Amino acid sequence: MSDKPKTEIIIVHETVLQSYLVDTSTFILFLALIGIGVYLDSTAMQWIGAFVGFFTIAGRANRKRRMSIDEAHKRLDELEASL
Protein backbone atom coordinates (compact mmCIF):
# COMPACT_ATOMS: atom_id res chain seq x y z
CA MET A 1 0.00 0.00 0.00
CA SER A 2 1.01 3.57 -0.59
CA ASP A 3 1.83 5.90 2.30
CA LYS A 4 0.41 8.83 0.39
CA PRO A 5 -0.96 11.45 2.82
CA LYS A 6 -4.70 12.00 2.92
CA THR A 7 -5.84 15.13 1.10
CA GLU A 8 -7.36 17.74 3.38
CA ILE A 9 -9.37 20.78 2.35
CA ILE A 10 -9.40 23.73 4.71
CA ILE A 11 -11.83 26.51 3.87
CA VAL A 12 -10.54 29.65 5.50
CA HIS A 13 -13.48 31.87 4.62
CA GLU A 14 -17.01 31.06 3.55
CA THR A 15 -19.84 33.54 3.72
CA VAL A 16 -23.35 32.64 4.78
CA LEU A 17 -24.50 33.28 1.21
CA GLN A 18 -21.90 30.83 -0.16
CA SER A 19 -23.01 28.22 2.35
CA TYR A 20 -26.66 28.71 1.37
CA LEU A 21 -25.77 28.44 -2.32
CA VAL A 22 -24.02 25.10 -1.74
CA ASP A 23 -27.00 23.79 0.22
CA THR A 24 -29.45 25.06 -2.40
CA SER A 25 -27.53 23.45 -5.27
CA THR A 26 -27.50 20.14 -3.40
CA PHE A 27 -31.26 20.34 -2.87
CA ILE A 28 -31.86 21.26 -6.54
CA LEU A 29 -29.79 18.25 -7.69
CA PHE A 30 -31.81 15.97 -5.40
CA LEU A 31 -35.12 17.47 -6.56
CA ALA A 32 -34.15 17.48 -10.24
CA LEU A 33 -33.21 13.80 -10.34
CA ILE A 34 -36.44 12.74 -8.69
CA GLY A 35 -38.46 15.27 -10.70
CA ILE A 36 -37.05 14.06 -14.01
CA GLY A 37 -37.86 10.50 -12.93
CA VAL A 38 -41.45 11.50 -12.19
CA TYR A 39 -41.72 13.39 -15.50
CA LEU A 40 -40.35 10.43 -17.47
CA ASP A 41 -42.40 7.99 -15.37
CA SER A 42 -39.14 6.21 -14.48
CA THR A 43 -39.13 4.52 -11.10
CA ALA A 44 -35.43 3.75 -11.51
CA MET A 45 -34.58 7.44 -12.00
CA GLN A 46 -36.62 8.33 -8.91
CA TRP A 47 -34.75 5.74 -6.84
CA ILE A 48 -31.38 6.92 -8.17
CA GLY A 49 -32.35 10.49 -7.25
CA ALA A 50 -33.29 9.35 -3.75
CA PHE A 51 -30.01 7.42 -3.32
CA VAL A 52 -27.93 10.35 -4.56
CA GLY A 53 -29.80 12.67 -2.21
CA PHE A 54 -29.42 10.42 0.81
CA PHE A 55 -25.71 9.80 0.16
CA THR A 56 -25.16 13.53 -0.31
CA ILE A 57 -26.96 14.32 2.95
CA ALA A 58 -24.99 11.60 4.77
CA GLY A 59 -21.73 12.91 3.34
CA ARG A 60 -22.48 16.44 4.39
CA ALA A 61 -23.47 15.27 7.88
CA ASN A 62 -20.09 13.53 8.25
CA ARG A 63 -18.11 16.65 7.39
CA LYS A 64 -15.46 17.51 9.87
CA ARG A 65 -16.16 20.46 12.09
CA ARG A 66 -15.32 23.89 10.83
CA MET A 67 -12.17 25.57 12.07
CA SER A 68 -11.47 29.10 13.11
CA ILE A 69 -8.68 30.90 11.26
CA ASP A 70 -6.29 30.27 14.16
CA GLU A 71 -7.16 26.56 14.21
CA ALA A 72 -6.66 26.38 10.43
CA HIS A 73 -3.23 28.04 10.74
CA LYS A 74 -2.28 25.57 13.47
CA ARG A 75 -3.41 22.62 11.32
CA LEU A 76 -1.48 23.94 8.32
CA ASP A 77 1.64 24.31 10.49
CA GLU A 78 1.21 20.69 11.65
CA LEU A 79 0.87 19.50 8.06
CA GLU A 80 3.91 21.49 6.97
CA ALA A 81 5.98 20.09 9.86
CA SER A 82 5.09 16.54 8.90
CA LEU A 83 6.52 16.92 5.38
C-alpha atoms as a PDB file:
ATOM      1  CA  MET A   1       0.000   0.000   0.000  1.00  0.00           C
ATOM      2  CA  SER A   2       1.008   3.570  -0.587  1.00  0.00           C
ATOM      3  CA  ASP A   3       1.827   5.900   2.299  1.00  0.00           C
ATOM      4  CA  LYS A   4       0.412   8.834   0.386  1.00  0.00           C
ATOM      5  CA  PRO A   5      -0.957  11.448   2.815  1.00  0.00           C
ATOM      6  CA  LYS A   6      -4.700  12.000   2.922  1.00  0.00           C
ATOM      7  CA  THR A   7      -5.836  15.132   1.100  1.00  0.00           C
ATOM      8  CA  GLU A   8      -7.356  17.745   3.384  1.00  0.00           C
ATOM      9  CA  ILE A   9      -9.369  20.779   2.349  1.00  0.00           C
ATOM     10  CA  ILE A  10      -9.397  23.727   4.711  1.00  0.00           C
ATOM     11  CA  ILE A  11     -11.834  26.506   3.873  1.00  0.00           C
ATOM     12  CA  VAL A  12     -10.543  29.652   5.496  1.00  0.00           C
ATOM     13  CA  HIS A  13     -13.484  31.866   4.623  1.00  0.00           C
ATOM     14  CA  GLU A  14     -17.015  31.056   3.553  1.00  0.00           C
ATOM     15  CA  THR A  15     -19.836  33.543   3.720  1.00  0.00           C
ATOM     16  CA  VAL A  16     -23.345  32.642   4.781  1.00  0.00           C
ATOM     17  CA  LEU A  17     -24.500  33.277   1.207  1.00  0.00           C
ATOM     18  CA  GLN A  18     -21.899  30.832  -0.161  1.00  0.00           C
ATOM     19  CA  SER A  19     -23.011  28.225   2.353  1.00  0.00           C
ATOM     20  CA  TYR A  20     -26.659  28.714   1.373  1.00  0.00           C
ATOM     21  CA  LEU A  21     -25.767  28.436  -2.323  1.00  0.00           C
ATOM     22  CA  VAL A  22     -24.016  25.102  -1.736  1.00  0.00           C
ATOM     23  CA  ASP A  23     -27.002  23.790   0.222  1.00  0.00           C
ATOM     24  CA  THR A  24     -29.448  25.061  -2.404  1.00  0.00           C
ATOM     25  CA  SER A  25     -27.527  23.455  -5.273  1.00  0.00           C
ATOM     26  CA  THR A  26     -27.499  20.142  -3.402  1.00  0.00           C
ATOM     27  CA  PHE A  27     -31.259  20.338  -2.874  1.00  0.00           C
ATOM     28  CA  ILE A  28     -31.861  21.258  -6.542  1.00  0.00           C
ATOM     29  CA  LEU A  29     -29.795  18.251  -7.686  1.00  0.00           C
ATOM     30  CA  PHE A  30     -31.808  15.974  -5.400  1.00  0.00           C
ATOM     31  CA  LEU A  31     -35.121  17.466  -6.559  1.00  0.00           C
ATOM     32  CA  ALA A  32     -34.152  17.479 -10.244  1.00  0.00           C
ATOM     33  CA  LEU A  33     -33.212  13.799 -10.343  1.00  0.00           C
ATOM     34  CA  ILE A  34     -36.436  12.736  -8.693  1.00  0.00           C
ATOM     35  CA  GLY A  35     -38.462  15.273 -10.700  1.00  0.00           C
ATOM     36  CA  ILE A  36     -37.054  14.058 -14.010  1.00  0.00           C
ATOM     37  CA  GLY A  37     -37.859  10.503 -12.933  1.00  0.00           C
ATOM     38  CA  VAL A  38     -41.454  11.503 -12.193  1.00  0.00           C
ATOM     39  CA  TYR A  39     -41.718  13.393 -15.497  1.00  0.00           C
ATOM     40  CA  LEU A  40     -40.353  10.427 -17.468  1.00  0.00           C
ATOM     41  CA  ASP A  41     -42.395   7.985 -15.374  1.00  0.00           C
ATOM     42  CA  SER A  42     -39.141   6.212 -14.485  1.00  0.00           C
ATOM     43  CA  THR A  43     -39.127   4.524 -11.103  1.00  0.00           C
ATOM     44  CA  ALA A  44     -35.426   3.746 -11.514  1.00  0.00           C
ATOM     45  CA  MET A  45     -34.575   7.438 -11.997  1.00  0.00           C
ATOM     46  CA  GLN A  46     -36.618   8.331  -8.912  1.00  0.00           C
ATOM     47  CA  TRP A  47     -34.745   5.741  -6.840  1.00  0.00           C
ATOM     48  CA  ILE A  48     -31.375   6.925  -8.169  1.00  0.00           C
ATOM     49  CA  GLY A  49     -32.347  10.488  -7.252  1.00  0.00           C
ATOM     50  CA  ALA A  50     -33.287   9.345  -3.747  1.00  0.00           C
ATOM     51  CA  PHE A  51     -30.012   7.419  -3.320  1.00  0.00           C
ATOM     52  CA  VAL A  52     -27.925  10.353  -4.564  1.00  0.00           C
ATOM     53  CA  GLY A  53     -29.799  12.672  -2.210  1.00  0.00           C
ATOM     54  CA  PHE A  54     -29.421  10.416   0.810  1.00  0.00           C
ATOM     55  CA  PHE A  55     -25.714   9.804   0.158  1.00  0.00           C
ATOM     56  CA  THR A  56     -25.162  13.529  -0.311  1.00  0.00           C
ATOM     57  CA  ILE A  57     -26.958  14.316   2.948  1.00  0.00           C
ATOM     58  CA  ALA A  58     -24.991  11.601   4.773  1.00  0.00           C
ATOM     59  CA  GLY A  59     -21.729  12.908   3.342  1.00  0.00           C
ATOM     60  CA  ARG A  60     -22.484  16.445   4.387  1.00  0.00           C
ATOM     61  CA  ALA A  61     -23.469  15.266   7.878  1.00  0.00           C
ATOM     62  CA  ASN A  62     -20.092  13.534   8.253  1.00  0.00           C
ATOM     63  CA  ARG A  63     -18.107  16.651   7.385  1.00  0.00           C
ATOM     64  CA  LYS A  64     -15.460  17.513   9.874  1.00  0.00           C
ATOM     65  CA  ARG A  65     -16.162  20.458  12.093  1.00  0.00           C
ATOM     66  CA  ARG A  66     -15.323  23.892  10.825  1.00  0.00           C
ATOM     67  CA  MET A  67     -12.175  25.569  12.067  1.00  0.00           C
ATOM     68  CA  SER A  68     -11.473  29.102  13.112  1.00  0.00           C
ATOM     69  CA  ILE A  69      -8.682  30.896  11.261  1.00  0.00           C
ATOM     70  CA  ASP A  70      -6.293  30.269  14.164  1.00  0.00           C
ATOM     71  CA  GLU A  71      -7.160  26.556  14.205  1.00  0.00           C
ATOM     72  CA  ALA A  72      -6.664  26.376  10.428  1.00  0.00           C
ATOM     73  CA  HIS A  73      -3.234  28.038  10.743  1.00  0.00           C
ATOM     74  CA  LYS A  74      -2.282  25.573  13.469  1.00  0.00           C
ATOM     75  CA  ARG A  75      -3.406  22.616  11.324  1.00  0.00           C
ATOM     76  CA  LEU A  76      -1.480  23.942   8.322  1.00  0.00           C
ATOM     77  CA  ASP A  77       1.641  24.307  10.491  1.00  0.00           C
ATOM     78  CA  GLU A  78       1.211  20.688  11.648  1.00  0.00           C
ATOM     79  CA  LEU A  79       0.865  19.498   8.056  1.00  0.00           C
ATOM     80  CA  GLU A  80       3.911  21.489   6.971  1.00  0.00           C
ATOM     81  CA  ALA A  81       5.980  20.093   9.864  1.00  0.00           C
ATOM     82  CA  SER A  82       5.092  16.537   8.900  1.00  0.00           C
ATOM     83  CA  LEU A  83       6.516  16.925   5.375  1.00  0.00           C
END
